[in-house]
N, C-alpha and C. Protein backbone atom coordinates (compact mmCIF):
# COMPACT_ATOMS: atom_id res chain seq x y z
N MET A 1 9.04 21.54 20.95
CA MET A 1 9.41 22.44 19.88
C MET A 1 8.43 22.33 18.72
N PHE A 2 8.30 21.15 18.09
CA PHE A 2 7.37 20.95 16.98
C PHE A 2 6.15 20.21 17.48
N THR A 3 5.02 20.44 16.85
CA THR A 3 3.79 19.78 17.30
C THR A 3 3.28 18.74 16.32
N HIS A 4 3.53 18.91 15.02
CA HIS A 4 3.05 17.94 14.05
C HIS A 4 3.59 18.28 12.66
N ILE A 5 3.35 17.40 11.71
CA ILE A 5 3.71 17.66 10.32
C ILE A 5 2.48 18.23 9.64
N ASN A 6 2.63 19.38 8.99
CA ASN A 6 1.52 20.01 8.28
C ASN A 6 1.28 19.31 6.95
N PHE A 7 2.33 19.20 6.11
CA PHE A 7 2.17 18.50 4.84
C PHE A 7 3.49 17.93 4.37
N GLN A 8 3.38 16.95 3.48
CA GLN A 8 4.52 16.33 2.81
C GLN A 8 4.32 16.52 1.32
N SER A 9 5.32 17.04 0.63
CA SER A 9 5.23 17.21 -0.82
C SER A 9 5.64 15.95 -1.55
N ILE A 10 4.92 15.64 -2.60
CA ILE A 10 5.22 14.53 -3.49
C ILE A 10 5.33 15.10 -4.90
N GLY A 11 6.44 14.82 -5.55
CA GLY A 11 6.66 15.36 -6.89
C GLY A 11 5.78 14.69 -7.93
N VAL A 12 5.19 15.50 -8.82
CA VAL A 12 4.35 14.97 -9.88
C VAL A 12 4.65 15.69 -11.19
N LEU A 13 4.46 14.98 -12.28
CA LEU A 13 4.57 15.57 -13.61
C LEU A 13 3.20 16.01 -14.11
N ASP A 14 2.18 15.24 -13.80
CA ASP A 14 0.83 15.49 -14.28
C ASP A 14 -0.12 15.52 -13.08
N GLN A 15 -0.55 16.71 -12.68
CA GLN A 15 -1.40 16.85 -11.50
C GLN A 15 -2.76 16.16 -11.66
N HIS A 16 -3.35 16.22 -12.85
CA HIS A 16 -4.65 15.59 -13.07
C HIS A 16 -4.54 14.07 -12.89
N ARG A 17 -3.52 13.49 -13.46
CA ARG A 17 -3.30 12.03 -13.36
C ARG A 17 -3.03 11.65 -11.91
N ALA A 18 -2.18 12.42 -11.22
CA ALA A 18 -1.85 12.13 -9.82
C ALA A 18 -3.08 12.28 -8.93
N LEU A 19 -3.86 13.32 -9.17
CA LEU A 19 -5.07 13.54 -8.37
C LEU A 19 -6.02 12.36 -8.51
N ALA A 20 -6.23 11.90 -9.73
CA ALA A 20 -7.12 10.75 -9.94
C ALA A 20 -6.59 9.52 -9.20
N PHE A 21 -5.29 9.28 -9.22
CA PHE A 21 -4.71 8.12 -8.56
C PHE A 21 -4.90 8.21 -7.04
N TYR A 22 -4.51 9.31 -6.45
CA TYR A 22 -4.55 9.44 -4.99
C TYR A 22 -5.98 9.53 -4.46
N ARG A 23 -6.86 10.17 -5.20
CA ARG A 23 -8.25 10.30 -4.76
C ARG A 23 -9.03 9.01 -5.03
N ASP A 24 -8.97 8.52 -6.25
CA ASP A 24 -9.82 7.41 -6.66
C ASP A 24 -9.28 6.04 -6.29
N ARG A 25 -7.98 5.88 -6.29
CA ARG A 25 -7.40 4.56 -5.99
C ARG A 25 -6.94 4.43 -4.54
N LEU A 26 -6.36 5.50 -3.98
CA LEU A 26 -5.88 5.41 -2.60
C LEU A 26 -6.89 5.93 -1.58
N GLY A 27 -7.94 6.60 -2.04
CA GLY A 27 -9.01 7.03 -1.14
C GLY A 27 -8.73 8.29 -0.36
N LEU A 28 -7.79 9.13 -0.81
CA LEU A 28 -7.54 10.39 -0.13
C LEU A 28 -8.59 11.41 -0.53
N GLU A 29 -8.78 12.41 0.33
CA GLU A 29 -9.77 13.46 0.08
C GLU A 29 -9.05 14.75 -0.30
N VAL A 30 -9.66 15.52 -1.21
CA VAL A 30 -9.10 16.81 -1.59
C VAL A 30 -9.40 17.80 -0.46
N GLU A 31 -8.35 18.37 0.10
CA GLU A 31 -8.50 19.38 1.16
C GLU A 31 -8.51 20.77 0.55
N ARG A 32 -7.70 20.95 -0.51
CA ARG A 32 -7.60 22.25 -1.17
C ARG A 32 -7.14 22.06 -2.60
N ASP A 33 -7.73 22.80 -3.50
CA ASP A 33 -7.34 22.79 -4.91
C ASP A 33 -7.51 24.21 -5.41
N ALA A 34 -6.41 24.94 -5.54
CA ALA A 34 -6.47 26.35 -5.89
C ALA A 34 -5.38 26.69 -6.90
N PRO A 35 -5.65 27.67 -7.78
CA PRO A 35 -4.61 28.06 -8.74
C PRO A 35 -3.41 28.67 -8.03
N CYS A 36 -2.22 28.43 -8.58
CA CYS A 36 -1.04 29.06 -7.99
C CYS A 36 -0.17 29.72 -9.03
N GLU A 37 -0.04 29.13 -10.20
CA GLU A 37 0.74 29.71 -11.29
C GLU A 37 0.22 29.11 -12.58
N PRO A 38 0.49 29.73 -13.70
CA PRO A 38 -0.04 29.17 -14.96
C PRO A 38 0.35 27.71 -15.15
N GLY A 39 -0.65 26.87 -15.39
CA GLY A 39 -0.40 25.46 -15.65
C GLY A 39 -0.15 24.61 -14.41
N PHE A 40 -0.31 25.18 -13.22
CA PHE A 40 -0.07 24.41 -12.00
C PHE A 40 -1.01 24.91 -10.91
N ARG A 41 -1.42 23.97 -10.01
CA ARG A 41 -2.34 24.32 -8.94
C ARG A 41 -1.76 23.88 -7.60
N TRP A 42 -2.24 24.50 -6.54
CA TRP A 42 -1.94 24.04 -5.19
C TRP A 42 -2.97 22.98 -4.87
N ILE A 43 -2.54 21.72 -4.84
CA ILE A 43 -3.45 20.62 -4.50
C ILE A 43 -2.94 19.97 -3.22
N PHE A 44 -3.80 19.95 -2.22
CA PHE A 44 -3.50 19.29 -0.96
C PHE A 44 -4.55 18.21 -0.74
N LEU A 45 -4.10 17.03 -0.35
CA LEU A 45 -4.98 15.90 -0.07
C LEU A 45 -4.78 15.47 1.37
N LYS A 46 -5.78 14.77 1.90
CA LYS A 46 -5.64 14.26 3.26
C LYS A 46 -6.19 12.84 3.35
N ILE A 47 -5.62 12.10 4.26
CA ILE A 47 -6.14 10.79 4.62
C ILE A 47 -7.34 11.06 5.53
N PRO A 48 -8.50 10.51 5.25
CA PRO A 48 -9.66 10.76 6.12
C PRO A 48 -9.33 10.47 7.58
N GLY A 49 -9.59 11.44 8.43
CA GLY A 49 -9.35 11.29 9.86
C GLY A 49 -7.95 11.63 10.32
N ALA A 50 -7.06 11.99 9.41
CA ALA A 50 -5.68 12.32 9.78
C ALA A 50 -5.42 13.80 9.52
N SER A 51 -4.43 14.37 10.22
CA SER A 51 -4.17 15.80 10.04
C SER A 51 -3.09 16.14 9.02
N PRO A 52 -2.02 15.35 8.85
CA PRO A 52 -1.02 15.75 7.85
C PRO A 52 -1.61 15.73 6.44
N LEU A 53 -1.19 16.68 5.63
CA LEU A 53 -1.65 16.79 4.25
C LEU A 53 -0.57 16.30 3.29
N ILE A 54 -0.99 15.94 2.10
CA ILE A 54 -0.07 15.59 1.03
C ILE A 54 -0.23 16.65 -0.04
N HIS A 55 0.88 17.18 -0.50
CA HIS A 55 0.89 18.28 -1.47
C HIS A 55 1.57 17.81 -2.74
N PHE A 56 1.01 18.15 -3.89
CA PHE A 56 1.64 17.84 -5.17
C PHE A 56 2.59 18.97 -5.55
N ALA A 57 3.86 18.67 -5.66
CA ALA A 57 4.88 19.63 -6.07
C ALA A 57 5.30 19.33 -7.50
N ARG A 58 5.72 20.36 -8.21
CA ARG A 58 6.18 20.17 -9.58
C ARG A 58 7.46 19.33 -9.56
N ARG A 59 7.50 18.33 -10.41
CA ARG A 59 8.64 17.41 -10.49
C ARG A 59 9.38 17.64 -11.80
N ALA A 60 10.71 17.63 -11.74
CA ALA A 60 11.52 17.93 -12.92
C ALA A 60 11.63 16.75 -13.88
N SER A 61 11.63 15.53 -13.37
CA SER A 61 11.80 14.39 -14.26
C SER A 61 10.87 13.26 -13.84
N GLY A 62 10.68 12.32 -14.73
CA GLY A 62 9.80 11.19 -14.46
C GLY A 62 10.52 9.94 -14.01
N ALA A 63 11.78 10.06 -13.60
CA ALA A 63 12.55 8.90 -13.18
C ALA A 63 11.88 8.23 -11.98
N ARG A 64 11.90 6.91 -11.95
CA ARG A 64 11.27 6.14 -10.87
C ARG A 64 12.11 6.26 -9.60
N ASN A 65 11.43 6.59 -8.50
CA ASN A 65 12.11 6.66 -7.20
C ASN A 65 12.26 5.26 -6.64
N ASP A 66 13.41 5.01 -6.00
CA ASP A 66 13.65 3.70 -5.42
C ASP A 66 13.63 3.74 -3.89
N LYS A 67 13.22 4.87 -3.33
CA LYS A 67 13.03 5.02 -1.88
C LYS A 67 11.62 5.56 -1.67
N PRO A 68 10.98 5.17 -0.55
CA PRO A 68 9.59 5.61 -0.35
C PRO A 68 9.45 7.13 -0.29
N ASP A 69 8.48 7.63 -1.05
CA ASP A 69 8.11 9.04 -0.99
C ASP A 69 6.96 9.24 -0.01
N LEU A 70 6.22 8.17 0.21
CA LEU A 70 5.06 8.22 1.10
C LEU A 70 4.95 6.87 1.79
N VAL A 71 4.78 6.91 3.11
CA VAL A 71 4.57 5.68 3.89
C VAL A 71 3.23 5.83 4.60
N ARG A 72 2.33 4.91 4.32
CA ARG A 72 1.02 4.90 4.98
C ARG A 72 0.95 3.70 5.90
N VAL A 73 0.31 3.88 7.04
CA VAL A 73 0.19 2.83 8.04
C VAL A 73 -1.26 2.36 8.10
N THR A 74 -1.42 1.06 8.20
CA THR A 74 -2.75 0.45 8.31
C THR A 74 -2.65 -0.74 9.27
N PRO A 75 -3.69 -1.01 10.03
CA PRO A 75 -3.63 -2.18 10.90
C PRO A 75 -3.73 -3.49 10.14
N ASP A 76 -4.21 -3.45 8.89
CA ASP A 76 -4.41 -4.68 8.12
C ASP A 76 -3.93 -4.50 6.68
N VAL A 77 -2.67 -4.81 6.43
CA VAL A 77 -2.08 -4.66 5.10
C VAL A 77 -2.77 -5.58 4.09
N ASP A 78 -3.14 -6.79 4.52
CA ASP A 78 -3.82 -7.72 3.61
C ASP A 78 -5.12 -7.11 3.08
N ALA A 79 -5.94 -6.56 3.97
CA ALA A 79 -7.20 -5.95 3.55
C ALA A 79 -6.96 -4.73 2.68
N ALA A 80 -5.96 -3.91 3.04
CA ALA A 80 -5.64 -2.73 2.23
C ALA A 80 -5.21 -3.15 0.83
N CYS A 81 -4.42 -4.21 0.73
CA CYS A 81 -3.97 -4.68 -0.58
C CYS A 81 -5.14 -5.19 -1.42
N GLU A 82 -6.09 -5.87 -0.79
CA GLU A 82 -7.27 -6.34 -1.52
C GLU A 82 -8.07 -5.16 -2.06
N THR A 83 -8.24 -4.13 -1.24
CA THR A 83 -8.94 -2.93 -1.69
C THR A 83 -8.20 -2.27 -2.84
N LEU A 84 -6.87 -2.15 -2.71
CA LEU A 84 -6.07 -1.53 -3.77
C LEU A 84 -6.13 -2.36 -5.06
N LYS A 85 -6.11 -3.68 -4.94
CA LYS A 85 -6.23 -4.53 -6.13
C LYS A 85 -7.55 -4.28 -6.85
N SER A 86 -8.63 -4.10 -6.09
CA SER A 86 -9.94 -3.85 -6.69
C SER A 86 -9.99 -2.49 -7.38
N ARG A 87 -9.05 -1.61 -7.04
CA ARG A 87 -8.98 -0.28 -7.65
C ARG A 87 -7.88 -0.19 -8.71
N GLY A 88 -7.32 -1.33 -9.08
CA GLY A 88 -6.33 -1.35 -10.15
C GLY A 88 -4.89 -1.16 -9.72
N VAL A 89 -4.64 -1.18 -8.41
CA VAL A 89 -3.27 -1.09 -7.90
C VAL A 89 -2.91 -2.48 -7.39
N ALA A 90 -2.36 -3.30 -8.28
CA ALA A 90 -2.10 -4.70 -7.94
C ALA A 90 -0.82 -4.84 -7.14
N LYS A 91 -0.94 -5.35 -5.93
CA LYS A 91 0.23 -5.60 -5.09
C LYS A 91 -0.16 -6.57 -4.00
N SER A 92 0.74 -7.49 -3.66
CA SER A 92 0.51 -8.42 -2.57
C SER A 92 1.43 -8.07 -1.41
N PRO A 93 0.94 -8.26 -0.19
CA PRO A 93 1.78 -7.95 0.97
C PRO A 93 2.88 -8.99 1.17
N GLU A 94 3.89 -8.58 1.91
CA GLU A 94 5.01 -9.48 2.26
C GLU A 94 5.54 -9.05 3.62
N ASP A 95 6.36 -9.90 4.22
CA ASP A 95 6.98 -9.55 5.49
C ASP A 95 8.08 -8.52 5.28
N ALA A 96 8.15 -7.56 6.17
CA ALA A 96 9.19 -6.53 6.09
C ALA A 96 10.51 -7.11 6.61
N VAL A 97 11.55 -7.02 5.81
CA VAL A 97 12.84 -7.61 6.20
C VAL A 97 13.47 -6.87 7.37
N TRP A 98 13.16 -5.61 7.55
CA TRP A 98 13.78 -4.82 8.61
C TRP A 98 13.11 -4.99 9.96
N ASN A 99 11.89 -5.60 10.00
CA ASN A 99 11.19 -5.74 11.26
C ASN A 99 10.26 -6.95 11.22
N PRO A 100 10.72 -8.09 11.77
CA PRO A 100 9.87 -9.29 11.77
C PRO A 100 8.51 -9.00 12.41
N GLY A 101 7.46 -9.50 11.78
CA GLY A 101 6.11 -9.27 12.29
C GLY A 101 5.41 -8.08 11.64
N THR A 102 6.16 -7.29 10.87
CA THR A 102 5.58 -6.16 10.16
C THR A 102 5.27 -6.60 8.73
N SER A 103 4.04 -6.38 8.33
CA SER A 103 3.64 -6.69 6.96
C SER A 103 3.70 -5.41 6.16
N ARG A 104 4.07 -5.54 4.87
CA ARG A 104 4.21 -4.34 4.04
C ARG A 104 3.90 -4.66 2.58
N ALA A 105 3.64 -3.61 1.82
CA ALA A 105 3.49 -3.71 0.38
C ALA A 105 4.06 -2.43 -0.21
N ILE A 106 4.76 -2.56 -1.31
CA ILE A 106 5.37 -1.43 -1.99
C ILE A 106 4.84 -1.37 -3.41
N PHE A 107 4.49 -0.18 -3.87
CA PHE A 107 4.05 0.03 -5.24
C PHE A 107 4.40 1.45 -5.66
N HIS A 108 4.24 1.75 -6.93
CA HIS A 108 4.52 3.08 -7.45
C HIS A 108 3.23 3.72 -7.94
N ASP A 109 3.15 5.05 -7.77
CA ASP A 109 1.98 5.77 -8.26
C ASP A 109 2.15 6.09 -9.74
N THR A 110 1.26 6.85 -10.30
CA THR A 110 1.30 7.20 -11.72
C THR A 110 2.47 8.12 -12.07
N GLU A 111 3.11 8.71 -11.05
CA GLU A 111 4.21 9.65 -11.26
C GLU A 111 5.56 9.03 -10.92
N ASN A 112 5.59 7.71 -10.72
CA ASN A 112 6.79 6.94 -10.37
C ASN A 112 7.30 7.19 -8.96
N ASN A 113 6.44 7.69 -8.07
CA ASN A 113 6.80 7.80 -6.65
C ASN A 113 6.56 6.45 -5.99
N MET A 114 7.48 6.05 -5.11
CA MET A 114 7.31 4.80 -4.38
C MET A 114 6.43 5.03 -3.15
N ILE A 115 5.44 4.15 -2.98
CA ILE A 115 4.54 4.21 -1.83
C ILE A 115 4.68 2.90 -1.06
N LEU A 116 4.83 3.02 0.23
CA LEU A 116 4.94 1.88 1.12
C LEU A 116 3.74 1.91 2.06
N ILE A 117 3.03 0.79 2.14
CA ILE A 117 2.01 0.67 3.19
C ILE A 117 2.49 -0.44 4.12
N GLN A 118 2.26 -0.24 5.40
CA GLN A 118 2.76 -1.22 6.38
C GLN A 118 1.90 -1.20 7.63
N THR A 119 2.04 -2.27 8.42
CA THR A 119 1.41 -2.31 9.72
C THR A 119 2.25 -1.47 10.66
N THR A 120 1.69 -1.15 11.80
CA THR A 120 2.40 -0.32 12.78
C THR A 120 3.48 -1.09 13.48
């Protein structure tokens, strides 16, 4: 029936701030950046080598999310955390309580979205 996920929307208050965070700190690439309405743009980002896109959607409030808005998978959470620390996203990995042997790290972006990185 379905073949893949095209994009996942992440709510943001400030597109410029979010773009800088996801591009410069998380290493995503801009796939599309086009005007859509006054004061807002269609911004789609991609993980290099992956097909699903991340889209910035207008967010109504700045309340911190306590559930993951984005989950990224990496074979080496320790190395990913070291890279993120060098880019100003300080977080140390820990064991995932729901799955022994899975390493994970949780942090929030500039828009208070929760991001989880984990091993497969």
